[in-house]
C-alpha atoms as a PDB file:
ATOM      1  CA  MET A   1     -10.790 -16.589  -9.958  1.00  0.00           C
ATOM      2  CA  GLU A   2     -14.317 -17.335  -8.818  1.00  0.00           C
ATOM      3  CA  ASP A   3     -13.837 -15.350  -5.587  1.00  0.00           C
ATOM      4  CA  PHE A   4     -12.357 -12.456  -7.546  1.00  0.00           C
ATOM      5  CA  SER A   5     -15.137 -12.423 -10.153  1.00  0.00           C
ATOM      6  CA  LYS A   6     -17.763 -12.475  -7.385  1.00  0.00           C
ATOM      7  CA  GLY A   7     -16.045  -9.575  -5.623  1.00  0.00           C
ATOM      8  CA  GLU A   8     -15.352 -11.690  -2.549  1.00  0.00           C
ATOM      9  CA  TYR A   9     -12.149  -9.717  -1.945  1.00  0.00           C
ATOM     10  CA  PRO A  10     -11.441  -6.129  -3.048  1.00  0.00           C
ATOM     11  CA  THR A  11      -8.335  -6.799  -5.162  1.00  0.00           C
ATOM     12  CA  ARG A  12      -6.731  -9.625  -7.094  1.00  0.00           C
ATOM     13  CA  ASN A  13      -3.844  -9.571  -4.613  1.00  0.00           C
ATOM     14  CA  ASP A  14      -6.264 -10.152  -1.733  1.00  0.00           C
ATOM     15  CA  THR A  15      -7.893 -12.985  -3.655  1.00  0.00           C
ATOM     16  CA  ASP A  16      -4.491 -14.551  -4.298  1.00  0.00           C
ATOM     17  CA  HIS A  17      -3.678 -14.411  -0.584  1.00  0.00           C
ATOM     18  CA  ALA A  18      -6.952 -16.139   0.255  1.00  0.00           C
ATOM     19  CA  GLU A  19      -6.113 -18.879  -2.240  1.00  0.00           C
ATOM     20  CA  PHE A  20      -2.631 -19.128  -0.783  1.00  0.00           C
ATOM     21  CA  ILE A  21      -4.137 -19.784   2.636  1.00  0.00           C
ATOM     22  CA  ARG A  22      -6.632 -22.337   1.364  1.00  0.00           C
ATOM     23  CA  ASN A  23      -3.975 -24.328  -0.435  1.00  0.00           C
ATOM     24  CA  TYR A  24      -0.553 -23.708   1.080  1.00  0.00           C
ATOM     25  CA  VAL A  25      -0.520 -22.748   4.769  1.00  0.00           C
ATOM     26  CA  THR A  26      -0.600 -26.380   5.889  1.00  0.00           C
ATOM     27  CA  ASP A  27       2.137 -27.270   3.395  1.00  0.00           C
ATOM     28  CA  ILE A  28       4.274 -24.374   4.649  1.00  0.00           C
ATOM     29  CA  GLY A  29       3.830 -25.573   8.236  1.00  0.00           C
ATOM     30  CA  ASN A  30       4.831 -29.089   7.188  1.00  0.00           C
ATOM     31  CA  ALA A  31       7.898 -27.760   5.347  1.00  0.00           C
ATOM     32  CA  LEU A  32       8.920 -25.717   8.402  1.00  0.00           C
ATOM     33  CA  GLN A  33       8.638 -28.835  10.512  1.00  0.00           C
ATOM     34  CA  GLN A  34      10.737 -30.870   8.076  1.00  0.00           C
ATOM     35  CA  CYS A  35      13.434 -28.192   8.129  1.00  0.00           C
ATOM     36  CA  GLY A  36      13.415 -27.833  11.893  1.00  0.00           C
ATOM     37  CA  GLN A  37      12.881 -31.345  13.169  1.00  0.00           C
ATOM     38  CA  SER A  38      16.584 -32.225  13.151  1.00  0.00           C
ATOM     39  CA  SER A  39      17.413 -29.197  15.332  1.00  0.00           C
ATOM     40  CA  TYR A  40      14.291 -28.563  17.423  1.00  0.00           C
ATOM     41  CA  SER A  41      11.742 -30.545  19.370  1.00  0.00           C
ATOM     42  CA  ILE A  42       8.650 -28.514  18.496  1.00  0.00           C
ATOM     43  CA  SER A  43       5.059 -29.643  18.020  1.00  0.00           C
ATOM     44  CA  ASN A  44       3.409 -29.737  14.609  1.00  0.00           C
ATOM     45  CA  THR A  45       0.854 -27.219  15.910  1.00  0.00           C
ATOM     46  CA  TYR A  46       3.638 -24.732  16.597  1.00  0.00           C
ATOM     47  CA  TYR A  47       4.930 -25.060  13.032  1.00  0.00           C
ATOM     48  CA  GLN A  48       1.395 -24.705  11.647  1.00  0.00           C
ATOM     49  CA  ARG A  49       0.982 -21.499  13.651  1.00  0.00           C
ATOM     50  CA  LEU A  50       4.281 -20.156  12.292  1.00  0.00           C
ATOM     51  CA  ALA A  51       3.058 -20.764   8.736  1.00  0.00           C
ATOM     52  CA  TRP A  52       0.590 -17.877   9.163  1.00  0.00           C
ATOM     53  CA  GLY A  53       3.411 -15.314   9.188  1.00  0.00           C
ATOM     54  CA  GLY A  54       2.584 -12.479   6.787  1.00  0.00           C
ATOM     55  CA  LEU A  55      -1.025 -13.615   6.265  1.00  0.00           C
ATOM     56  CA  THR A  56      -2.777 -12.454   9.421  1.00  0.00           C
ATOM     57  CA  HIS A  57      -3.319  -8.740   8.703  1.00  0.00           C
ATOM     58  CA  TRP A  58      -3.854  -6.363   5.815  1.00  0.00           C
ATOM     59  CA  HIS A  59      -4.288  -2.623   5.348  1.00  0.00           C
ATOM     60  CA  LYS A  60      -7.607  -1.397   6.665  1.00  0.00           C
ATOM     61  CA  LYS A  61      -9.503   0.451   3.945  1.00  0.00           C
ATOM     62  CA  ASP A  62     -12.385   2.899   3.948  1.00  0.00           C
ATOM     63  CA  ASP A  63     -15.580   2.440   1.915  1.00  0.00           C
ATOM     64  CA  SER A  64     -13.926   3.873  -1.203  1.00  0.00           C
ATOM     65  CA  GLY A  65     -11.011   1.427  -0.973  1.00  0.00           C
ATOM     66  CA  GLU A  66      -8.419   3.912   0.297  1.00  0.00           C
ATOM     67  CA  VAL A  67      -5.963   2.762   2.957  1.00  0.00           C
ATOM     68  CA  ILE A  68      -6.776   4.271   6.348  1.00  0.00           C
ATOM     69  CA  GLU A  69      -3.861   5.945   8.112  1.00  0.00           C
ATOM     70  CA  ASP A  70      -3.321   6.880  11.735  1.00  0.00           C
ATOM     71  CA  THR A  71      -2.565  10.433  12.837  1.00  0.00           C
ATOM     72  CA  SER A  72       1.139   9.903  12.053  1.00  0.00           C
ATOM     73  CA  GLY A  73       0.408   8.843   8.475  1.00  0.00           C
ATOM     74  CA  ASN A  74       1.107   5.151   9.078  1.00  0.00           C
ATOM     75  CA  PRO A  75      -1.269   2.577   7.596  1.00  0.00           C
ATOM     76  CA  VAL A  76      -3.752   0.978   9.969  1.00  0.00           C
ATOM     77  CA  TYR A  77      -3.915  -2.827   9.830  1.00  0.00           C
ATOM     78  CA  GLU A  78      -6.750  -5.224  10.605  1.00  0.00           C
ATOM     79  CA  GLU A  79      -7.062  -8.987  10.729  1.00  0.00           C
ATOM     80  CA  THR A  80      -7.746 -10.571   7.366  1.00  0.00           C
ATOM     81  CA  PRO A  81     -11.116 -12.256   6.842  1.00  0.00           C
ATOM     82  CA  TRP A  82      -9.431 -15.564   5.992  1.00  0.00           C
ATOM     83  CA  PHE A  83      -7.429 -15.475   9.245  1.00  0.00           C
ATOM     84  CA  LYS A  84     -10.692 -15.016  11.151  1.00  0.00           C
ATOM     85  CA  ALA A  85     -12.420 -17.730   9.119  1.00  0.00           C
ATOM     86  CA  GLU A  86      -9.681 -20.333   9.585  1.00  0.00           C
ATOM     87  CA  LEU A  87      -9.120 -19.513  13.272  1.00  0.00           C
ATOM     88  CA  PRO A  88     -12.527 -18.333  14.507  1.00  0.00           C
ATOM     89  CA  THR A  89     -11.693 -17.626  18.141  1.00  0.00           C
ATOM     90  CA  SER A  90      -9.635 -14.656  19.220  1.00  0.00           C
ATOM     91  CA  SER A  91      -7.622 -16.892  21.556  1.00  0.00           C
ATOM     92  CA  GLU A  92      -6.490 -19.032  18.576  1.00  0.00           C
ATOM     93  CA  ARG A  93      -5.524 -15.942  16.605  1.00  0.00           C
ATOM     94  CA  ASP A  94      -3.720 -14.475  19.618  1.00  0.00           C
ATOM     95  CA  GLU A  95      -1.762 -17.731  19.974  1.00  0.00           C
ATOM     96  CA  VAL A  96      -0.658 -17.499  16.328  1.00  0.00           C
ATOM     97  CA  LEU A  97       0.408 -13.871  16.709  1.00  0.00           C
ATOM     98  CA  ASN A  98       2.258 -14.566  19.959  1.00  0.00           C
ATOM     99  CA  ILE A  99       4.195 -17.425  18.353  1.00  0.00           C
ATOM    100  CA  ILE A 100       5.083 -15.336  15.305  1.00  0.00           C
ATOM    101  CA  PHE A 101       6.133 -12.319  17.386  1.00  0.00           C
ATOM    102  CA  THR A 102       8.139 -14.510  19.769  1.00  0.00           C
ATOM    103  CA  GLU A 103      10.068 -16.126  16.915  1.00  0.00           C
ATOM    104  CA  GLN A 104      10.668 -12.706  15.352  1.00  0.00           C
ATOM    105  CA  GLY A 105      12.199 -11.548  18.623  1.00  0.00           C
ATOM    106  CA  ILE A 106       9.317  -9.203  19.388  1.00  0.00           C
ATOM    107  CA  GLY A 107       7.868  -9.464  22.881  1.00  0.00           C
ATOM    108  CA  ASN A 108       8.381 -12.545  25.032  1.00  0.00           C
ATOM    109  CA  THR A 109      11.644 -13.880  23.611  1.00  0.00           C
ATOM    110  CA  GLU A 110      12.244 -16.174  26.598  1.00  0.00           C
ATOM    111  CA  ASN A 111       9.801 -18.601  24.946  1.00  0.00           C
ATOM    112  CA  GLN A 112      11.564 -18.438  21.582  1.00  0.00           C
ATOM    113  CA  LYS A 113      12.100 -21.930  20.192  1.00  0.00           C
ATOM    114  CA  GLY A 114      14.297 -21.160  17.193  1.00  0.00           C
ATOM    115  CA  THR A 115      17.514 -19.228  16.876  1.00  0.00           C
ATOM    116  CA  ASP A 116      17.895 -15.907  15.110  1.00  0.00           C
ATOM    117  CA  ALA A 117      18.894 -16.369  11.460  1.00  0.00           C
ATOM    118  CA  ASP A 118      20.286 -12.803  11.285  1.00  0.00           C
ATOM    119  CA  CYS A 119      18.385 -11.988   8.125  1.00  0.00           C
END
């Protein structure tokens, strides 16, 4: 609530996501590891990187708060400030995105560690 009242983030939803990251990303990574450890031999770091899924980007907005769209009318996304704050180097953020995309079957699937859940 303090971040929201100070205007740290533009909306309550954005503030909630920041709080989610501060308090739950590590727990999500740990839960993923607990679920997967009987089937996969994957490092804790890999699970912690997976926990960022859905929290790395948000809609890019103009100065008036309107979502910016590309020439096809699709929303433009940018990295969230909390993603940049928690993982300050672009190489760390790229590693997270590569792991997430790989496990989603996007890009280099030969390095995929899990199996497709068909959902």
